[in-house]
Amino acid sequence: MTIILNGQQHSLSSEITLPDLLESLGLSGKPVVVELNQEAILPRNFAQTLIQANDQLEIITLAAGG
């Protein structure tokens, strides 16, 4: 199946939970902001969020600096 991840096509073998996707991208445990189909997903809802074919995701990593 294919999703759109940060504006690019991204292939997945099957539906996946958001935490599993973040882990596969090396982002598990890192501060991120996630938008799924143009709606912000609160971190407390990540575990219940299922990524399906044709979903559009924007994932932004947060970094401190100055």
PDB file of N, CA and C in Angstrom:
ATOM      1  N   MET A   1       0.846  -1.180   0.000  1.00  0.00           N
ATOM      2  CA  MET A   1       0.000   0.000   0.000  1.00  0.00           C
ATOM      3  C   MET A   1       0.886   1.236   0.000  1.00  0.00           C
ATOM      4  N   THR A   2       0.326   2.331  -0.431  1.00  0.00           N
ATOM      5  CA  THR A   2       1.078   3.572  -0.532  1.00  0.00           C
ATOM      6  C   THR A   2       0.400   4.665   0.288  1.00  0.00           C
ATOM      7  N   ILE A   3       1.245   5.439   0.985  1.00  0.00           N
ATOM      8  CA  ILE A   3       0.786   6.639   1.676  1.00  0.00           C
ATOM      9  C   ILE A   3       1.614   7.808   1.153  1.00  0.00           C
ATOM     10  N   ILE A   4       1.189   9.006   1.488  1.00  0.00           N
ATOM     11  CA  ILE A   4       1.983  10.192   1.190  1.00  0.00           C
ATOM     12  C   ILE A   4       2.579  10.663   2.510  1.00  0.00           C
ATOM     13  N   LEU A   5       3.910  10.644   2.588  1.00  0.00           N
ATOM     14  CA  LEU A   5       4.622  11.011   3.802  1.00  0.00           C
ATOM     15  C   LEU A   5       5.479  12.229   3.506  1.00  0.00           C
ATOM     16  N   ASN A   6       5.131  13.342   4.140  1.00  0.00           N
ATOM     17  CA  ASN A   6       5.841  14.611   3.915  1.00  0.00           C
ATOM     18  C   ASN A   6       5.952  14.935   2.425  1.00  0.00           C
ATOM     19  N   GLY A   7       4.844  14.726   1.707  1.00  0.00           N
ATOM     20  CA  GLY A   7       4.774  15.094   0.303  1.00  0.00           C
ATOM     21  C   GLY A   7       5.342  14.087  -0.673  1.00  0.00           C
ATOM     22  N   GLN A   8       5.867  12.957  -0.180  1.00  0.00           N
ATOM     23  CA  GLN A   8       6.464  11.934  -1.036  1.00  0.00           C
ATOM     24  C   GLN A   8       5.729  10.614  -0.859  1.00  0.00           C
ATOM     25  N   GLN A   9       5.626   9.839  -1.951  1.00  0.00           N
ATOM     26  CA  GLN A   9       5.034   8.511  -1.841  1.00  0.00           C
ATOM     27  C   GLN A   9       5.925   7.631  -0.976  1.00  0.00           C
ATOM     28  N   HIS A  10       5.281   6.849  -0.125  1.00  0.00           N
ATOM     29  CA  HIS A  10       6.002   5.952   0.787  1.00  0.00           C
ATOM     30  C   HIS A  10       5.235   4.634   0.803  1.00  0.00           C
ATOM     31  N   SER A  11       5.933   3.537   0.545  1.00  0.00           N
ATOM     32  CA  SER A  11       5.292   2.220   0.501  1.00  0.00           C
ATOM     33  C   SER A  11       5.334   1.538   1.858  1.00  0.00           C
ATOM     34  N   LEU A  12       4.229   0.913   2.203  1.00  0.00           N
ATOM     35  CA  LEU A  12       4.122   0.104   3.413  1.00  0.00           C
ATOM     36  C   LEU A  12       3.559  -1.246   3.012  1.00  0.00           C
ATOM     37  N   SER A  13       3.936  -2.301   3.735  1.00  0.00           N
ATOM     38  CA  SER A  13       3.444  -3.640   3.386  1.00  0.00           C
ATOM     39  C   SER A  13       1.987  -3.833   3.797  1.00  0.00           C
ATOM     40  N   SER A  14       1.553  -3.136   4.841  1.00  0.00           N
ATOM     41  CA  SER A  14       0.167  -3.262   5.306  1.00  0.00           C
ATOM     42  C   SER A  14      -0.162  -2.083   6.211  1.00  0.00           C
ATOM     43  N   GLU A  15      -1.418  -2.050   6.681  1.00  0.00           N
ATOM     44  CA  GLU A  15      -1.805  -1.014   7.631  1.00  0.00           C
ATOM     45  C   GLU A  15      -0.891  -1.115   8.845  1.00  0.00           C
ATOM     46  N   ILE A  16      -0.616   0.022   9.480  1.00  0.00           N
ATOM     47  CA  ILE A  16       0.341   0.073  10.573  1.00  0.00           C
ATOM     48  C   ILE A  16      -0.115   1.153  11.554  1.00  0.00           C
ATOM     49  N   THR A  17       0.197   0.953  12.826  1.00  0.00           N
ATOM     50  CA  THR A  17      -0.132   1.990  13.798  1.00  0.00           C
ATOM     51  C   THR A  17       0.888   3.113  13.675  1.00  0.00           C
ATOM     52  N   LEU A  18       0.508   4.277  14.114  1.00  0.00           N
ATOM     53  CA  LEU A  18       1.408   5.424  14.056  1.00  0.00           C
ATOM     54  C   LEU A  18       2.699   5.177  14.836  1.00  0.00           C
ATOM     55  N   PRO A  19       2.647   4.621  16.069  1.00  0.00           N
ATOM     56  CA  PRO A  19       3.910   4.353  16.767  1.00  0.00           C
ATOM     57  C   PRO A  19       4.826   3.393  16.000  1.00  0.00           C
ATOM     58  N   ASP A  20       4.256   2.392  15.346  1.00  0.00           N
ATOM     59  CA  ASP A  20       5.067   1.455  14.572  1.00  0.00           C
ATOM     60  C   ASP A  20       5.692   2.150  13.363  1.00  0.00           C
ATOM     61  N   LEU A  21       4.957   3.050  12.733  1.00  0.00           N
ATOM     62  CA  LEU A  21       5.510   3.800  11.612  1.00  0.00           C
ATOM     63  C   LEU A  21       6.650   4.696  12.089  1.00  0.00           C
ATOM     64  N   LEU A  22       6.432   5.399  13.205  1.00  0.00           N
ATOM     65  CA  LEU A  22       7.482   6.262  13.737  1.00  0.00           C
ATOM     66  C   LEU A  22       8.735   5.443  14.071  1.00  0.00           C
ATOM     67  N   GLU A  23       8.547   4.260  14.621  1.00  0.00           N
ATOM     68  CA  GLU A  23       9.691   3.401  14.931  1.00  0.00           C
ATOM     69  C   GLU A  23      10.428   2.994  13.655  1.00  0.00           C
ATOM     70  N   SER A  24       9.685   2.640  12.611  1.00  0.00           N
ATOM     71  CA  SER A  24      10.314   2.223  11.355  1.00  0.00           C
ATOM     72  C   SER A  24      11.079   3.369  10.695  1.00  0.00           C
ATOM     73  N   LEU A  25      10.693   4.602  11.021  1.00  0.00           N
ATOM     74  CA  LEU A  25      11.365   5.781  10.473  1.00  0.00           C
ATOM     75  C   LEU A  25      12.498   6.272  11.376  1.00  0.00           C
ATOM     76  N   GLY A  26      12.722   5.583  12.491  1.00  0.00           N
ATOM     77  CA  GLY A  26      13.766   5.991  13.420  1.00  0.00           C
ATOM     78  C   GLY A  26      13.373   7.175  14.281  1.00  0.00           C
ATOM     79  N   LEU A  27      12.076   7.401  14.440  1.00  0.00           N
ATOM     80  CA  LEU A  27      11.598   8.556  15.195  1.00  0.00           C
ATOM     81  C   LEU A  27      10.940   8.193  16.518  1.00  0.00           C
ATOM     82  N   SER A  28      10.982   6.926  16.879  1.00  0.00           N
ATOM     83  CA  SER A  28      10.361   6.483  18.122  1.00  0.00           C
ATOM     84  C   SER A  28      11.024   7.171  19.310  1.00  0.00           C
ATOM     85  N   GLY A  29      10.214   7.731  20.194  1.00  0.00           N
ATOM     86  CA  GLY A  29      10.733   8.391  21.384  1.00  0.00           C
ATOM     87  C   GLY A  29      11.220   9.811  21.161  1.00  0.00           C
ATOM     88  N   LYS A  30      11.206  10.274  19.928  1.00  0.00           N
ATOM     89  CA  LYS A  30      11.648  11.640  19.634  1.00  0.00           C
ATOM     90  C   LYS A  30      10.431  12.565  19.607  1.00  0.00           C
ATOM     91  N   PRO A  31      10.616  13.827  19.954  1.00  0.00           N
ATOM     92  CA  PRO A  31       9.478  14.756  19.910  1.00  0.00           C
ATOM     93  C   PRO A  31       9.092  15.061  18.464  1.00  0.00           C
ATOM     94  N   VAL A  32       7.849  14.742  18.120  1.00  0.00           N
ATOM     95  CA  VAL A  32       7.355  14.977  16.761  1.00  0.00           C
ATOM     96  C   VAL A  32       5.954  15.578  16.810  1.00  0.00           C
ATOM     97  N   VAL A  33       5.624  16.256  15.750  1.00  0.00           N
ATOM     98  CA  VAL A  33       4.262  16.732  15.517  1.00  0.00           C
ATOM     99  C   VAL A  33       3.766  15.964  14.303  1.00  0.00           C
ATOM    100  N   VAL A  34       2.553  15.398  14.402  1.00  0.00           N
ATOM    101  CA  VAL A  34       2.019  14.584  13.321  1.00  0.00           C
ATOM    102  C   VAL A  34       0.671  15.129  12.880  1.00  0.00           C
ATOM    103  N   GLU A  35       0.529  15.244  11.577  1.00  0.00           N
ATOM    104  CA  GLU A  35      -0.742  15.623  10.965  1.00  0.00           C
ATOM    105  C   GLU A  35      -1.143  14.481  10.041  1.00  0.00           C
ATOM    106  N   LEU A  36      -2.353  13.960  10.222  1.00  0.00           N
ATOM    107  CA  LEU A  36      -2.875  12.870   9.408  1.00  0.00           C
ATOM    108  C   LEU A  36      -4.096  13.374   8.663  1.00  0.00           C
ATOM    109  N   ASN A  37      -4.011  13.370   7.350  1.00  0.00           N
ATOM    110  CA  ASN A  37      -5.113  13.848   6.505  1.00  0.00           C
ATOM    111  C   ASN A  37      -5.582  15.231   6.940  1.00  0.00           C
ATOM    112  N   GLN A  38      -4.614  16.107   7.165  1.00  0.00           N
ATOM    113  CA  GLN A  38      -4.808  17.521   7.495  1.00  0.00           C
ATOM    114  C   GLN A  38      -5.423  17.760   8.869  1.00  0.00           C
ATOM    115  N   GLU A  39      -5.294  16.755   9.777  1.00  0.00           N
ATOM    116  CA  GLU A  39      -5.750  16.924  11.151  1.00  0.00           C
ATOM    117  C   GLU A  39      -4.617  16.565  12.096  1.00  0.00           C
ATOM    118  N   ALA A  40      -4.337  17.442  13.052  1.00  0.00           N
ATOM    119  CA  ALA A  40      -3.276  17.183  14.026  1.00  0.00           C
ATOM    120  C   ALA A  40      -3.665  15.998  14.912  1.00  0.00           C
ATOM    121  N   ILE A  41      -2.680  15.154  15.190  1.00  0.00           N
ATOM    122  CA  ILE A  41      -2.881  14.013  16.074  1.00  0.00           C
ATOM    123  C   ILE A  41      -2.148  14.298  17.384  1.00  0.00           C
ATOM    124  N   LEU A  42      -2.875  14.254  18.470  1.00  0.00           N
ATOM    125  CA  LEU A  42      -2.265  14.470  19.784  1.00  0.00           C
ATOM    126  C   LEU A  42      -1.435  13.253  20.161  1.00  0.00           C
ATOM    127  N   PRO A  43      -0.301  13.459  20.810  1.00  0.00           N
ATOM    128  CA  PRO A  43       0.543  12.324  21.197  1.00  0.00           C
ATOM    129  C   PRO A  43      -0.207  11.256  21.994  1.00  0.00           C
ATOM    130  N   ARG A  44      -1.156  11.659  22.826  1.00  0.00           N
ATOM    131  CA  ARG A  44      -1.906  10.664  23.604  1.00  0.00           C
ATOM    132  C   ARG A  44      -2.764   9.760  22.720  1.00  0.00           C
ATOM    133  N   ASN A  45      -3.003  10.179  21.453  1.00  0.00           N
ATOM    134  CA  ASN A  45      -3.807   9.381  20.527  1.00  0.00           C
ATOM    135  C   ASN A  45      -2.969   8.595  19.519  1.00  0.00           C
ATOM    136  N   PHE A  46      -1.649   8.699  19.599  1.00  0.00           N
ATOM    137  CA  PHE A  46      -0.784   8.005  18.633  1.00  0.00           C
ATOM    138  C   PHE A  46      -1.081   6.505  18.601  1.00  0.00           C
ATOM    139  N   ALA A  47      -1.173   5.867  19.766  1.00  0.00           N
ATOM    140  CA  ALA A  47      -1.312   4.404  19.833  1.00  0.00           C
ATOM    141  C   ALA A  47      -2.577   3.898  19.142  1.00  0.00           C
ATOM    142  N   GLN A  48      -3.643   4.695  19.142  1.00  0.00           N
ATOM    143  CA  GLN A  48      -4.900   4.286  18.525  1.00  0.00           C
ATOM    144  C   GLN A  48      -4.996   4.667  17.051  1.00  0.00           C
ATOM    145  N   THR A  49      -4.002   5.370  16.542  1.00  0.00           N
ATOM    146  CA  THR A  49      -4.065   5.883  15.178  1.00  0.00           C
ATOM    147  C   THR A  49      -3.513   4.851  14.200  1.00  0.00           C
ATOM    148  N   LEU A  50      -4.364   4.427  13.264  1.00  0.00           N
ATOM    149  CA  LEU A  50      -3.996   3.439  12.256  1.00  0.00           C
ATOM    150  C   LEU A  50      -3.738   4.146  10.930  1.00  0.00           C
ATOM    151  N   ILE A  51      -2.596   3.852  10.333  1.00  0.00           N
ATOM    152  CA  ILE A  51      -2.241   4.428   9.038  1.00  0.00           C
ATOM    153  C   ILE A  51      -2.723   3.470   7.954  1.00  0.00           C
ATOM    154  N   GLN A  52      -3.511   3.994   7.018  1.00  0.00           N
ATOM    155  CA  GLN A  52      -4.120   3.172   5.970  1.00  0.00           C
ATOM    156  C   GLN A  52      -3.717   3.671   4.596  1.00  0.00           C
ATOM    157  N   ALA A  53      -4.016   2.868   3.581  1.00  0.00           N
ATOM    158  CA  ALA A  53      -3.680   3.221   2.199  1.00  0.00           C
ATOM    159  C   ALA A  53      -4.224   4.600   1.859  1.00  0.00           C
ATOM    160  N   ASN A  54      -3.412   5.359   1.141  1.00  0.00           N
ATOM    161  CA  ASN A  54      -3.743   6.689   0.636  1.00  0.00           C
ATOM    162  C   ASN A  54      -3.805   7.773   1.708  1.00  0.00           C
ATOM    163  N   ASP A  55      -3.451   7.452   2.949  1.00  0.00           N
ATOM    164  CA  ASP A  55      -3.388   8.487   3.974  1.00  0.00           C
ATOM    165  C   ASP A  55      -2.272   9.467   3.633  1.00  0.00           C
ATOM    166  N   GLN A  56      -2.462  10.708   4.087  1.00  0.00           N
ATOM    167  CA  GLN A  56      -1.445  11.737   3.908  1.00  0.00           C
ATOM    168  C   GLN A  56      -0.933  12.156   5.276  1.00  0.00           C
ATOM    169  N   LEU A  57       0.363  11.983   5.492  1.00  0.00           N
ATOM    170  CA  LEU A  57       0.971  12.305   6.775  1.00  0.00           C
ATOM    171  C   LEU A  57       2.021  13.373   6.610  1.00  0.00           C
ATOM    172  N   GLU A  58       2.064  14.253   7.583  1.00  0.00           N
ATOM    173  CA  GLU A  58       3.164  15.213   7.712  1.00  0.00           C
ATOM    174  C   GLU A  58       3.748  14.952   9.092  1.00  0.00           C
ATOM    175  N   ILE A  59       5.021  14.668   9.148  1.00  0.00           N
ATOM    176  CA  ILE A  59       5.704  14.430  10.411  1.00  0.00           C
ATOM    177  C   ILE A  59       6.836  15.441  10.525  1.00  0.00           C
ATOM    178  N   ILE A  60       6.790  16.218  11.592  1.00  0.00           N
ATOM    179  CA  ILE A  60       7.799  17.241  11.820  1.00  0.00           C
ATOM    180  C   ILE A  60       8.527  16.893  13.113  1.00  0.00           C
ATOM    181  N   THR A  61       9.846  16.819  13.051  1.00  0.00           N
ATOM    182  CA  THR A  61      10.635  16.575  14.258  1.00  0.00           C
ATOM    183  C   THR A  61      10.974  17.912  14.900  1.00  0.00           C
ATOM    184  N   LEU A  62      10.979  17.899  16.206  1.00  0.00           N
ATOM    185  CA  LEU A  62      11.286  19.111  16.955  1.00  0.00           C
ATOM    186  C   LEU A  62      12.730  19.045  17.433  1.00  0.00           C
ATOM    187  N   ALA A  63      13.422  20.157  17.309  1.00  0.00           N
ATOM    188  CA  ALA A  63      14.813  20.213  17.748  1.00  0.00           C
ATOM    189  C   ALA A  63      15.039  21.516  18.497  1.00  0.00           C
ATOM    190  N   ALA A  64      15.772  21.413  19.576  1.00  0.00           N
ATOM    191  CA  ALA A  64      16.124  22.599  20.342  1.00  0.00           C
ATOM    192  C   ALA A  64      17.423  23.174  19.781  1.00  0.00           C
ATOM    193  N   GLY A  65      17.548  24.423  19.900  1.00  0.00           N
ATOM    194  CA  GLY A  65      18.779  25.050  19.416  1.00  0.00           C
ATOM    195  C   GLY A  65      18.711  26.552  19.616  1.00  0.00           C
ATOM    196  N   GLY A  66      19.753  27.148  19.199  1.00  0.00           N
ATOM    197  CA  GLY A  66      19.735  28.602  19.399  1.00  0.00           C
ATOM    198  C   GLY A  66      20.704  29.309  18.523  1.00  0.00           C
TER     199      GLY A  66
END
